[in-house]
Amino acid sequence: MRLSFSGAPEVAAPLHDVWPRILDPHFVAKHGPGVESVQVLDARHFKVITGFGVGSIRLRFGIDVELTEVNPPNYFTMKARGKAPGSAVEVTASLALEVLEVARTRMSWKADTDISGTVASVGARLMEGTARKLTEQFWTKFASSLAEAGPAPSGTAPLAAAAEPAAPSPMSPPAPAGPEGTPSSPPSAA
């Protein structure tokens, strides 16, 4: 099953504050549904554990994330691959930042996700609508959090080589919600 999403939310923060935070997997992770942990391997590679669920199917995915084509402070692409028992996910995504005003930035993003296995076959009817809703919620919450965070600390080293509860990248596959529209909880996923 292939899902494609895109958007261009605006954030009330200058580009120089948005860029370091968009690359900080722990800052990003706070907004991702189902994310249990992020381990930073280096500035461009992360391991993410996330719960993923559709309907009655709940899985725990291990996802390898790589930032590619990084062009500071304007653009990057990301590739992610993950597996869970009987299911797999692959994501290719891009994010471009555009200065609208001194203190306003547009985050234009696009994500293509391929989901296969049990979770795709059982949850096909529910997946797209739920994924779209959770993706929109992620970006709204993320943009608001960026605006509230204020100036990025100077000399910020956003990538620490530690595993902490967090979320992958803004383009990670969103965790479809359970039957009541609430995000699935572990053991389930991103």
N, C-alpha and C. Protein backbone atom coordinates (compact mmCIF):
# COMPACT_ATOMS: atom_id res chain seq x y z
N MET A 1 0.85 -1.16 0.00
CA MET A 1 0.00 0.00 0.00
C MET A 1 0.90 1.23 0.00
N ARG A 2 0.63 2.15 -0.91
CA ARG A 2 1.41 3.37 -1.02
C ARG A 2 0.57 4.57 -0.58
N LEU A 3 1.16 5.40 0.29
CA LEU A 3 0.51 6.61 0.75
C LEU A 3 1.42 7.79 0.42
N SER A 4 0.84 8.87 -0.08
CA SER A 4 1.61 10.09 -0.37
C SER A 4 0.91 11.26 0.28
N PHE A 5 1.69 12.06 0.98
CA PHE A 5 1.17 13.24 1.65
C PHE A 5 2.11 14.40 1.42
N SER A 6 1.58 15.61 1.49
CA SER A 6 2.41 16.80 1.40
C SER A 6 1.70 17.94 2.12
N GLY A 7 2.47 18.97 2.42
CA GLY A 7 1.90 20.12 3.10
C GLY A 7 2.90 21.25 3.14
N ALA A 8 2.46 22.40 3.60
CA ALA A 8 3.33 23.58 3.68
C ALA A 8 2.91 24.46 4.85
N PRO A 9 3.01 23.94 6.07
CA PRO A 9 2.63 24.76 7.22
C PRO A 9 3.62 25.91 7.42
N GLU A 10 3.11 26.97 8.00
CA GLU A 10 3.94 28.13 8.32
C GLU A 10 4.14 28.17 9.83
N VAL A 11 5.33 28.62 10.22
CA VAL A 11 5.65 28.71 11.64
C VAL A 11 6.10 30.13 11.96
N ALA A 12 5.68 30.62 13.10
CA ALA A 12 6.05 31.96 13.54
C ALA A 12 7.41 31.91 14.22
N ALA A 13 8.44 31.63 13.42
CA ALA A 13 9.81 31.57 13.91
C ALA A 13 10.74 31.81 12.73
N PRO A 14 11.90 32.43 12.98
CA PRO A 14 12.84 32.67 11.90
C PRO A 14 13.56 31.38 11.47
N LEU A 15 13.99 31.36 10.23
CA LEU A 15 14.68 30.20 9.67
C LEU A 15 15.82 29.73 10.55
N HIS A 16 16.62 30.64 11.09
CA HIS A 16 17.78 30.25 11.89
C HIS A 16 17.40 29.55 13.20
N ASP A 17 16.13 29.65 13.62
CA ASP A 17 15.67 28.90 14.78
C ASP A 17 14.98 27.60 14.37
N VAL A 18 14.38 27.58 13.19
CA VAL A 18 13.68 26.39 12.72
C VAL A 18 14.67 25.30 12.30
N TRP A 19 15.69 25.66 11.54
CA TRP A 19 16.61 24.65 10.98
C TRP A 19 17.24 23.75 12.03
N PRO A 20 17.85 24.26 13.11
CA PRO A 20 18.48 23.34 14.06
C PRO A 20 17.46 22.42 14.75
N ARG A 21 16.26 22.90 14.93
CA ARG A 21 15.25 22.07 15.60
C ARG A 21 14.67 21.01 14.67
N ILE A 22 14.57 21.31 13.41
CA ILE A 22 14.02 20.34 12.45
C ILE A 22 15.00 19.17 12.27
N LEU A 23 16.28 19.41 12.57
CA LEU A 23 17.29 18.36 12.49
C LEU A 23 17.52 17.65 13.83
N ASP A 24 16.88 18.12 14.88
CA ASP A 24 17.05 17.54 16.21
C ASP A 24 16.02 16.41 16.39
N PRO A 25 16.45 15.15 16.30
CA PRO A 25 15.48 14.06 16.36
C PRO A 25 14.70 14.00 17.67
N HIS A 26 15.29 14.47 18.76
CA HIS A 26 14.58 14.43 20.03
C HIS A 26 13.50 15.52 20.10
N PHE A 27 13.77 16.68 19.52
CA PHE A 27 12.75 17.73 19.45
C PHE A 27 11.60 17.28 18.54
N VAL A 28 11.95 16.74 17.38
CA VAL A 28 10.94 16.26 16.44
C VAL A 28 10.12 15.13 17.06
N ALA A 29 10.80 14.24 17.76
CA ALA A 29 10.16 13.05 18.31
C ALA A 29 9.05 13.35 19.29
N LYS A 30 9.16 14.46 20.00
CA LYS A 30 8.13 14.81 20.98
C LYS A 30 6.76 14.93 20.33
N HIS A 31 6.71 15.08 19.03
CA HIS A 31 5.45 15.33 18.34
C HIS A 31 4.94 14.11 17.56
N GLY A 32 5.73 13.06 17.47
CA GLY A 32 5.37 11.89 16.67
C GLY A 32 4.54 10.89 17.45
N PRO A 33 3.40 10.50 16.93
CA PRO A 33 2.56 9.52 17.61
C PRO A 33 3.21 8.15 17.62
N GLY A 34 3.17 7.48 18.75
CA GLY A 34 3.65 6.11 18.85
C GLY A 34 5.15 5.94 19.03
N VAL A 35 5.92 7.01 18.99
CA VAL A 35 7.38 6.88 19.09
C VAL A 35 7.76 6.54 20.53
N GLU A 36 8.52 5.46 20.66
CA GLU A 36 8.98 5.03 21.98
C GLU A 36 10.39 5.52 22.27
N SER A 37 11.27 5.49 21.25
CA SER A 37 12.64 5.93 21.48
C SER A 37 13.32 6.28 20.16
N VAL A 38 14.37 7.09 20.30
CA VAL A 38 15.24 7.44 19.18
C VAL A 38 16.67 7.28 19.66
N GLN A 39 17.47 6.58 18.88
CA GLN A 39 18.89 6.47 19.17
C GLN A 39 19.63 7.17 18.05
N VAL A 40 20.41 8.18 18.39
CA VAL A 40 21.18 8.92 17.41
C VAL A 40 22.50 8.19 17.19
N LEU A 41 22.73 7.75 15.95
CA LEU A 41 23.98 7.07 15.62
C LEU A 41 25.06 8.05 15.20
N ASP A 42 24.66 9.05 14.42
CA ASP A 42 25.51 10.18 14.04
C ASP A 42 24.57 11.28 13.54
N ALA A 43 25.13 12.36 13.01
CA ALA A 43 24.31 13.51 12.64
C ALA A 43 23.27 13.21 11.56
N ARG A 44 23.42 12.11 10.84
CA ARG A 44 22.47 11.81 9.77
C ARG A 44 21.80 10.44 9.87
N HIS A 45 22.09 9.68 10.91
CA HIS A 45 21.54 8.33 11.04
C HIS A 45 20.94 8.13 12.43
N PHE A 46 19.72 7.55 12.45
CA PHE A 46 18.99 7.34 13.70
C PHE A 46 18.31 5.98 13.66
N LYS A 47 18.08 5.41 14.82
CA LYS A 47 17.26 4.21 14.96
C LYS A 47 16.05 4.61 15.80
N VAL A 48 14.89 4.25 15.31
CA VAL A 48 13.64 4.64 15.97
C VAL A 48 12.84 3.39 16.30
N ILE A 49 12.29 3.35 17.47
CA ILE A 49 11.34 2.29 17.86
C ILE A 49 9.99 2.97 18.01
N THR A 50 9.01 2.43 17.31
CA THR A 50 7.69 3.05 17.33
C THR A 50 6.60 1.99 17.25
N GLY A 51 5.49 2.29 17.86
CA GLY A 51 4.34 1.40 17.79
C GLY A 51 3.45 1.83 16.63
N PHE A 52 2.86 0.88 15.97
CA PHE A 52 2.02 1.17 14.80
C PHE A 52 0.80 0.30 14.87
N GLY A 53 -0.35 0.89 14.70
CA GLY A 53 -1.56 0.09 14.75
C GLY A 53 -2.63 0.58 13.81
N VAL A 54 -3.35 -0.38 13.26
CA VAL A 54 -4.51 -0.09 12.43
C VAL A 54 -5.58 -1.08 12.84
N GLY A 55 -6.73 -0.57 13.26
CA GLY A 55 -7.79 -1.46 13.71
C GLY A 55 -7.29 -2.33 14.84
N SER A 56 -7.43 -3.64 14.69
CA SER A 56 -7.01 -4.57 15.75
C SER A 56 -5.55 -5.00 15.61
N ILE A 57 -4.88 -4.60 14.54
CA ILE A 57 -3.49 -4.98 14.32
C ILE A 57 -2.56 -3.97 15.00
N ARG A 58 -1.69 -4.45 15.87
CA ARG A 58 -0.72 -3.60 16.57
C ARG A 58 0.66 -4.21 16.38
N LEU A 59 1.61 -3.40 15.92
CA LEU A 59 2.98 -3.87 15.69
C LEU A 59 3.98 -2.88 16.26
N ARG A 60 5.15 -3.38 16.55
CA ARG A 60 6.26 -2.54 17.02
C ARG A 60 7.35 -2.59 15.95
N PHE A 61 7.63 -1.43 15.36
CA PHE A 61 8.60 -1.33 14.28
C PHE A 61 9.94 -0.81 14.79
N GLY A 62 11.02 -1.38 14.27
CA GLY A 62 12.36 -0.82 14.40
C GLY A 62 12.64 -0.14 13.06
N ILE A 63 12.94 1.15 13.07
CA ILE A 63 13.10 1.92 11.83
C ILE A 63 14.49 2.55 11.78
N ASP A 64 15.18 2.36 10.65
CA ASP A 64 16.46 3.02 10.39
C ASP A 64 16.19 4.26 9.56
N VAL A 65 16.63 5.42 10.05
CA VAL A 65 16.39 6.70 9.40
C VAL A 65 17.72 7.29 8.95
N GLU A 66 17.75 7.79 7.72
CA GLU A 66 18.94 8.46 7.20
C GLU A 66 18.54 9.80 6.57
N LEU A 67 19.19 10.87 7.00
CA LEU A 67 19.02 12.17 6.35
C LEU A 67 19.97 12.19 5.16
N THR A 68 19.45 12.57 4.00
CA THR A 68 20.27 12.63 2.79
C THR A 68 20.09 14.01 2.15
N GLU A 69 20.95 14.33 1.23
CA GLU A 69 20.85 15.61 0.52
C GLU A 69 20.59 16.78 1.47
N VAL A 70 21.39 16.90 2.50
CA VAL A 70 21.23 17.97 3.48
C VAL A 70 21.88 19.24 2.94
N ASN A 71 21.08 20.30 2.78
CA ASN A 71 21.54 21.59 2.26
C ASN A 71 21.15 22.68 3.26
N PRO A 72 21.98 22.87 4.32
CA PRO A 72 21.63 23.84 5.38
C PRO A 72 21.56 25.27 4.85
N PRO A 73 20.68 26.07 5.33
CA PRO A 73 19.56 25.75 6.23
C PRO A 73 18.24 25.66 5.47
N ASN A 74 18.27 25.10 4.29
CA ASN A 74 17.08 25.17 3.44
C ASN A 74 16.37 23.87 3.10
N TYR A 75 17.09 22.74 3.06
CA TYR A 75 16.49 21.57 2.46
C TYR A 75 17.17 20.29 2.95
N PHE A 76 16.38 19.22 3.07
CA PHE A 76 16.96 17.89 3.22
C PHE A 76 15.96 16.85 2.74
N THR A 77 16.48 15.67 2.45
CA THR A 77 15.63 14.53 2.17
C THR A 77 15.93 13.48 3.24
N MET A 78 15.01 12.55 3.38
CA MET A 78 15.13 11.53 4.39
C MET A 78 14.66 10.20 3.82
N LYS A 79 15.32 9.13 4.20
CA LYS A 79 14.89 7.79 3.85
C LYS A 79 14.79 7.00 5.15
N ALA A 80 13.73 6.21 5.25
CA ALA A 80 13.53 5.39 6.44
C ALA A 80 13.02 4.02 6.02
N ARG A 81 13.53 3.00 6.69
CA ARG A 81 13.07 1.62 6.46
C ARG A 81 12.86 0.96 7.80
N GLY A 82 11.75 0.24 7.89
CA GLY A 82 11.48 -0.43 9.15
C GLY A 82 10.79 -1.76 8.96
N LYS A 83 10.92 -2.62 9.96
CA LYS A 83 10.29 -3.93 9.93
C LYS A 83 9.66 -4.22 11.27
N ALA A 84 8.59 -5.00 11.17
CA ALA A 84 7.92 -5.56 12.33
C ALA A 84 7.50 -6.97 11.91
N PRO A 85 7.17 -7.83 12.84
CA PRO A 85 6.77 -9.19 12.44
C PRO A 85 5.64 -9.16 11.40
N GLY A 86 5.93 -9.65 10.21
CA GLY A 86 4.94 -9.74 9.14
C GLY A 86 4.63 -8.45 8.40
N SER A 87 5.34 -7.37 8.67
CA SER A 87 5.07 -6.09 8.02
C SER A 87 6.36 -5.30 7.80
N ALA A 88 6.31 -4.36 6.87
CA ALA A 88 7.46 -3.50 6.59
C ALA A 88 6.97 -2.12 6.16
N VAL A 89 7.83 -1.11 6.33
CA VAL A 89 7.52 0.25 5.92
C VAL A 89 8.77 0.87 5.32
N GLU A 90 8.58 1.64 4.25
CA GLU A 90 9.65 2.43 3.64
C GLU A 90 9.12 3.82 3.38
N VAL A 91 9.93 4.84 3.73
CA VAL A 91 9.53 6.23 3.57
C VAL A 91 10.63 6.99 2.84
N THR A 92 10.22 7.80 1.88
CA THR A 92 11.11 8.77 1.25
C THR A 92 10.42 10.11 1.42
N ALA A 93 11.17 11.09 1.94
CA ALA A 93 10.55 12.38 2.24
C ALA A 93 11.52 13.51 1.97
N SER A 94 10.94 14.70 1.78
CA SER A 94 11.75 15.90 1.61
C SER A 94 11.13 17.04 2.39
N LEU A 95 11.98 17.98 2.80
CA LEU A 95 11.53 19.16 3.51
C LEU A 95 12.33 20.35 3.02
N ALA A 96 11.62 21.41 2.62
CA ALA A 96 12.27 22.65 2.19
C ALA A 96 11.75 23.78 3.08
N LEU A 97 12.66 24.61 3.57
CA LEU A 97 12.29 25.76 4.39
C LEU A 97 12.40 27.02 3.55
N GLU A 98 11.41 27.90 3.71
CA GLU A 98 11.37 29.15 2.94
C GLU A 98 11.07 30.31 3.89
N VAL A 99 11.90 31.34 3.82
CA VAL A 99 11.69 32.54 4.63
C VAL A 99 10.53 33.33 4.02
N LEU A 100 9.51 33.58 4.84
CA LEU A 100 8.37 34.39 4.39
C LEU A 100 8.53 35.83 4.88
N GLU A 101 8.96 35.94 6.11
CA GLU A 101 9.26 37.22 6.76
C GLU A 101 10.41 36.94 7.71
N VAL A 102 10.94 37.98 8.32
CA VAL A 102 12.06 37.78 9.23
C VAL A 102 11.75 36.72 10.29
N ALA A 103 10.55 36.74 10.84
CA ALA A 103 10.19 35.80 11.90
C ALA A 103 9.09 34.84 11.47
N ARG A 104 9.06 34.46 10.20
CA ARG A 104 8.05 33.52 9.70
C ARG A 104 8.68 32.63 8.63
N THR A 105 8.50 31.31 8.77
CA THR A 105 9.10 30.34 7.88
C THR A 105 8.05 29.35 7.39
N ARG A 106 8.11 29.00 6.11
CA ARG A 106 7.23 27.95 5.57
C ARG A 106 8.03 26.65 5.50
N MET A 107 7.40 25.55 5.95
CA MET A 107 8.01 24.23 5.90
C MET A 107 7.26 23.40 4.86
N SER A 108 7.77 23.34 3.64
CA SER A 108 7.12 22.57 2.58
C SER A 108 7.67 21.15 2.60
N TRP A 109 6.79 20.18 2.77
CA TRP A 109 7.23 18.80 2.88
C TRP A 109 6.41 17.88 2.00
N LYS A 110 7.01 16.75 1.67
CA LYS A 110 6.35 15.71 0.89
C LYS A 110 6.87 14.38 1.38
N ALA A 111 5.99 13.40 1.55
CA ALA A 111 6.39 12.08 2.01
C ALA A 111 5.65 11.00 1.23
N ASP A 112 6.40 10.03 0.76
CA ASP A 112 5.84 8.85 0.11
C ASP A 112 6.18 7.65 0.98
N THR A 113 5.15 6.90 1.35
CA THR A 113 5.31 5.78 2.26
C THR A 113 4.76 4.52 1.62
N ASP A 114 5.54 3.45 1.67
CA ASP A 114 5.10 2.13 1.22
C ASP A 114 4.99 1.25 2.45
N ILE A 115 3.80 0.68 2.65
CA ILE A 115 3.56 -0.20 3.78
C ILE A 115 3.13 -1.55 3.22
N SER A 116 3.76 -2.61 3.73
CA SER A 116 3.42 -3.94 3.22
C SER A 116 3.22 -4.90 4.38
N GLY A 117 2.60 -6.01 4.08
CA GLY A 117 2.39 -7.04 5.08
C GLY A 117 1.04 -6.95 5.74
N THR A 118 0.96 -7.55 6.91
CA THR A 118 -0.29 -7.68 7.64
C THR A 118 -0.97 -6.35 7.90
N VAL A 119 -0.21 -5.37 8.38
CA VAL A 119 -0.82 -4.09 8.73
C VAL A 119 -1.43 -3.41 7.50
N ALA A 120 -0.82 -3.58 6.33
CA ALA A 120 -1.36 -2.97 5.11
C ALA A 120 -2.61 -3.71 4.63
N SER A 121 -2.59 -5.03 4.66
CA SER A 121 -3.73 -5.78 4.14
C SER A 121 -4.95 -5.69 5.04
N VAL A 122 -4.77 -5.72 6.33
CA VAL A 122 -5.90 -5.67 7.25
C VAL A 122 -6.43 -4.25 7.43
N GLY A 123 -5.52 -3.29 7.45
CA GLY A 123 -5.94 -1.93 7.75
C GLY A 123 -6.11 -1.02 6.56
N ALA A 124 -6.13 -1.56 5.36
CA ALA A 124 -6.15 -0.73 4.15
C ALA A 124 -7.30 0.28 4.15
N ARG A 125 -8.48 -0.13 4.57
CA ARG A 125 -9.63 0.79 4.53
C ARG A 125 -9.47 1.95 5.50
N LEU A 126 -8.81 1.72 6.62
CA LEU A 126 -8.69 2.74 7.66
C LEU A 126 -7.42 3.59 7.52
N MET A 127 -6.41 3.05 6.87
CA MET A 127 -5.09 3.63 6.94
C MET A 127 -4.98 5.05 6.39
N GLU A 128 -5.45 5.31 5.18
CA GLU A 128 -5.20 6.62 4.57
C GLU A 128 -5.85 7.76 5.35
N GLY A 129 -7.11 7.64 5.70
CA GLY A 129 -7.78 8.72 6.42
C GLY A 129 -7.16 8.99 7.78
N THR A 130 -6.85 7.92 8.50
CA THR A 130 -6.25 8.07 9.81
C THR A 130 -4.85 8.65 9.70
N ALA A 131 -4.07 8.15 8.74
CA ALA A 131 -2.71 8.66 8.54
C ALA A 131 -2.74 10.15 8.17
N ARG A 132 -3.67 10.53 7.33
CA ARG A 132 -3.78 11.94 6.94
C ARG A 132 -4.12 12.82 8.17
N LYS A 133 -5.06 12.36 8.97
CA LYS A 133 -5.46 13.13 10.16
C LYS A 133 -4.28 13.28 11.12
N LEU A 134 -3.56 12.18 11.40
CA LEU A 134 -2.44 12.24 12.33
C LEU A 134 -1.27 13.07 11.78
N THR A 135 -1.08 13.02 10.47
CA THR A 135 -0.03 13.82 9.84
C THR A 135 -0.33 15.30 10.02
N GLU A 136 -1.58 15.69 9.75
CA GLU A 136 -1.98 17.09 9.93
C GLU A 136 -1.83 17.52 11.39
N GLN A 137 -2.21 16.66 12.32
CA GLN A 137 -2.06 16.98 13.74
C GLN A 137 -0.59 17.15 14.11
N PHE A 138 0.27 16.25 13.58
CA PHE A 138 1.70 16.35 13.85
C PHE A 138 2.22 17.72 13.43
N TRP A 139 1.95 18.14 12.18
CA TRP A 139 2.50 19.39 11.67
C TRP A 139 1.96 20.60 12.40
N THR A 140 0.68 20.57 12.79
CA THR A 140 0.11 21.68 13.55
C THR A 140 0.80 21.80 14.90
N LYS A 141 0.94 20.68 15.60
CA LYS A 141 1.59 20.68 16.91
C LYS A 141 3.07 21.05 16.78
N PHE A 142 3.74 20.53 15.77
CA PHE A 142 5.16 20.79 15.57
C PHE A 142 5.40 22.28 15.30
N ALA A 143 4.61 22.87 14.40
CA ALA A 143 4.77 24.30 14.08
C ALA A 143 4.52 25.15 15.31
N SER A 144 3.51 24.81 16.09
CA SER A 144 3.21 25.56 17.31
C SER A 144 4.36 25.45 18.31
N SER A 145 4.90 24.28 18.46
CA SER A 145 6.01 24.06 19.39
C SER A 145 7.26 24.81 18.95
N LEU A 146 7.51 24.87 17.64
CA LEU A 146 8.65 25.64 17.13
C LEU A 146 8.50 27.12 17.49
N ALA A 147 7.30 27.64 17.29
CA ALA A 147 7.06 29.05 17.58
C ALA A 147 7.22 29.34 19.08
N GLU A 148 6.76 28.42 19.92
CA GLU A 148 6.84 28.60 21.37
C GLU A 148 8.25 28.40 21.92
N ALA A 149 9.09 27.68 21.21
CA ALA A 149 10.42 27.33 21.70
C ALA A 149 11.35 28.54 21.80
N GLY A 150 11.06 29.59 21.04
CA GLY A 150 11.92 30.77 21.08
C GLY A 150 13.22 30.53 20.35
N PRO A 151 14.18 31.43 20.54
CA PRO A 151 15.45 31.31 19.81
C PRO A 151 16.19 30.02 20.13
N ALA A 152 16.79 29.44 19.10
CA ALA A 152 17.61 28.25 19.29
C ALA A 152 18.87 28.67 20.04
N PRO A 153 19.30 27.90 21.02
CA PRO A 153 20.51 28.25 21.75
C PRO A 153 21.70 28.31 20.80
N SER A 154 22.58 29.29 21.01
CA SER A 154 23.75 29.38 20.14
C SER A 154 24.65 28.20 20.43
N GLY A 155 25.30 27.72 19.38
CA GLY A 155 26.17 26.56 19.53
C GLY A 155 25.40 25.29 19.80
N THR A 156 24.11 25.28 19.41
CA THR A 156 23.29 24.11 19.64
C THR A 156 23.89 22.90 18.94
N ALA A 157 24.05 21.84 19.68
CA ALA A 157 24.45 20.55 19.12
C ALA A 157 23.25 19.65 19.26
N PRO A 158 22.31 19.71 18.30
CA PRO A 158 21.04 19.02 18.48
C PRO A 158 21.15 17.52 18.50
N LEU A 159 22.25 16.96 18.03
CA LEU A 159 22.32 15.51 17.93
C LEU A 159 23.26 14.96 18.98
N ALA A 160 22.69 14.35 19.99
CA ALA A 160 23.50 13.70 21.01
C ALA A 160 23.38 12.20 20.82
N ALA A 161 24.45 11.46 21.02
CA ALA A 161 24.45 10.02 20.78
C ALA A 161 23.87 9.27 21.96
N ALA A 162 22.61 9.52 22.25
CA ALA A 162 21.95 8.83 23.35
C ALA A 162 20.57 8.40 22.91
N ALA A 163 20.08 7.37 23.55
CA ALA A 163 18.71 6.93 23.25
C ALA A 163 17.80 7.56 24.28
N GLU A 164 16.79 8.27 23.80
CA GLU A 164 15.81 8.89 24.68
C GLU A 164 14.45 8.70 24.04
N PRO A 165 13.40 8.79 24.83
CA PRO A 165 12.09 8.78 24.20
C PRO A 165 12.01 9.93 23.21
N ALA A 166 11.56 9.65 22.01
CA ALA A 166 11.50 10.68 20.99
C ALA A 166 10.83 10.14 19.76
N ALA A 167 10.82 10.95 18.69
CA ALA A 167 10.18 10.52 17.45
C ALA A 167 11.12 10.69 16.29
N PRO A 168 10.84 10.02 15.20
CA PRO A 168 11.69 10.12 14.04
C PRO A 168 11.64 11.49 13.43
N SER A 169 11.47 11.57 12.16
CA SER A 169 11.46 12.83 11.48
C SER A 169 10.05 13.22 11.17
N PRO A 170 9.85 14.47 10.83
CA PRO A 170 8.51 14.92 10.52
C PRO A 170 7.88 14.14 9.39
N MET A 171 8.63 13.46 8.62
CA MET A 171 8.06 12.73 7.51
C MET A 171 7.89 11.27 7.82
N SER A 172 8.08 10.87 9.05
CA SER A 172 7.92 9.48 9.38
C SER A 172 6.48 9.09 9.16
N PRO A 173 6.23 7.81 8.86
CA PRO A 173 4.85 7.42 8.65
C PRO A 173 4.07 7.59 9.94
N PRO A 174 2.95 8.29 9.89
CA PRO A 174 2.18 8.51 11.11
C PRO A 174 1.52 7.23 11.58
N ALA A 175 1.29 7.14 12.87
CA ALA A 175 0.63 5.97 13.43
C ALA A 175 -0.86 6.13 13.25
N PRO A 176 -1.46 5.27 12.46
CA PRO A 176 -2.91 5.34 12.32
C PRO A 176 -3.57 5.11 13.67
N ALA A 177 -4.71 5.71 13.84
CA ALA A 177 -5.42 5.65 15.11
C ALA A 177 -6.20 4.37 15.24
N GLY A 178 -6.60 4.11 16.47
CA GLY A 178 -7.47 2.99 16.74
C GLY A 178 -8.87 3.32 16.27
N PRO A 179 -9.82 2.46 16.56
CA PRO A 179 -11.19 2.63 16.06
C PRO A 179 -11.85 3.93 16.50
N GLU A 180 -11.49 4.47 17.66
CA GLU A 180 -12.11 5.71 18.12
C GLU A 180 -11.37 6.94 17.62
N GLY A 181 -10.37 6.79 16.77
CA GLY A 181 -9.63 7.94 16.25
C GLY A 181 -8.51 8.38 17.16
N THR A 182 -8.21 7.59 18.18
CA THR A 182 -7.10 7.95 19.06
C THR A 182 -5.87 7.21 18.61
N PRO A 183 -4.69 7.82 18.70
CA PRO A 183 -3.48 7.15 18.25
C PRO A 183 -3.29 5.83 18.97
N SER A 184 -2.81 4.84 18.25
CA SER A 184 -2.52 3.54 18.84
C SER A 184 -1.39 3.69 19.83
N SER A 185 -1.42 2.88 20.85
CA SER A 185 -0.34 2.95 21.83
C SER A 185 0.51 1.70 21.73
N PRO A 186 1.73 1.75 22.26
CA PRO A 186 2.63 0.60 22.16
C PRO A 186 1.95 -0.63 22.73
N PRO A 187 2.21 -1.79 22.22
CA PRO A 187 3.14 -1.97 21.13
C PRO A 187 2.46 -1.74 19.79
N SER A 188 2.62 -0.55 19.23
CA SER A 188 2.08 -0.13 17.95
C SER A 188 2.95 0.92 17.30
N ALA A 189 2.52 1.95 16.36
CA ALA A 189 3.56 2.60 15.59
C ALA A 189 3.48 3.90 14.87
N ALA A 190 4.59 4.26 14.16
CA ALA A 190 4.75 5.51 13.47
C ALA A 190 4.42 5.36 12.04
